[in-house]
Amino acid sequence: MRKAFVIAVRCIWVFSVVVTGIAFGALYGWEQHGLVGAIALGFVGLVVSAFIASSPALLLQFLP
C-alpha cells in the first residue's frame, strides 16, 4: 500500500512539473516571439522540467 502511494505521488509530481514547465515556456514564447517562440520555448520548458521532475532535490538547490 505504501509503495503504491509513493508511486502515485511521484506520478502527480512529474505530471504537474512538466505541465507547468511547458505552459510557462509556451506562454512566455507566445508573448515575446509569437508562434515559433511558443513552440521553441515550450520545448525548452519540457526539457528543463523533465530534469527537475526527475530529481526534486535539484529544484530545492535553486530555491533561495
Foldseek 3Di string as FASTA:
>chain_A
DVVVVVVVVLVVLLVVLQVVLLVVQLVVLCVPPNDVSSVVRSVVSNVVSNVCSVPVVVVVVPDD
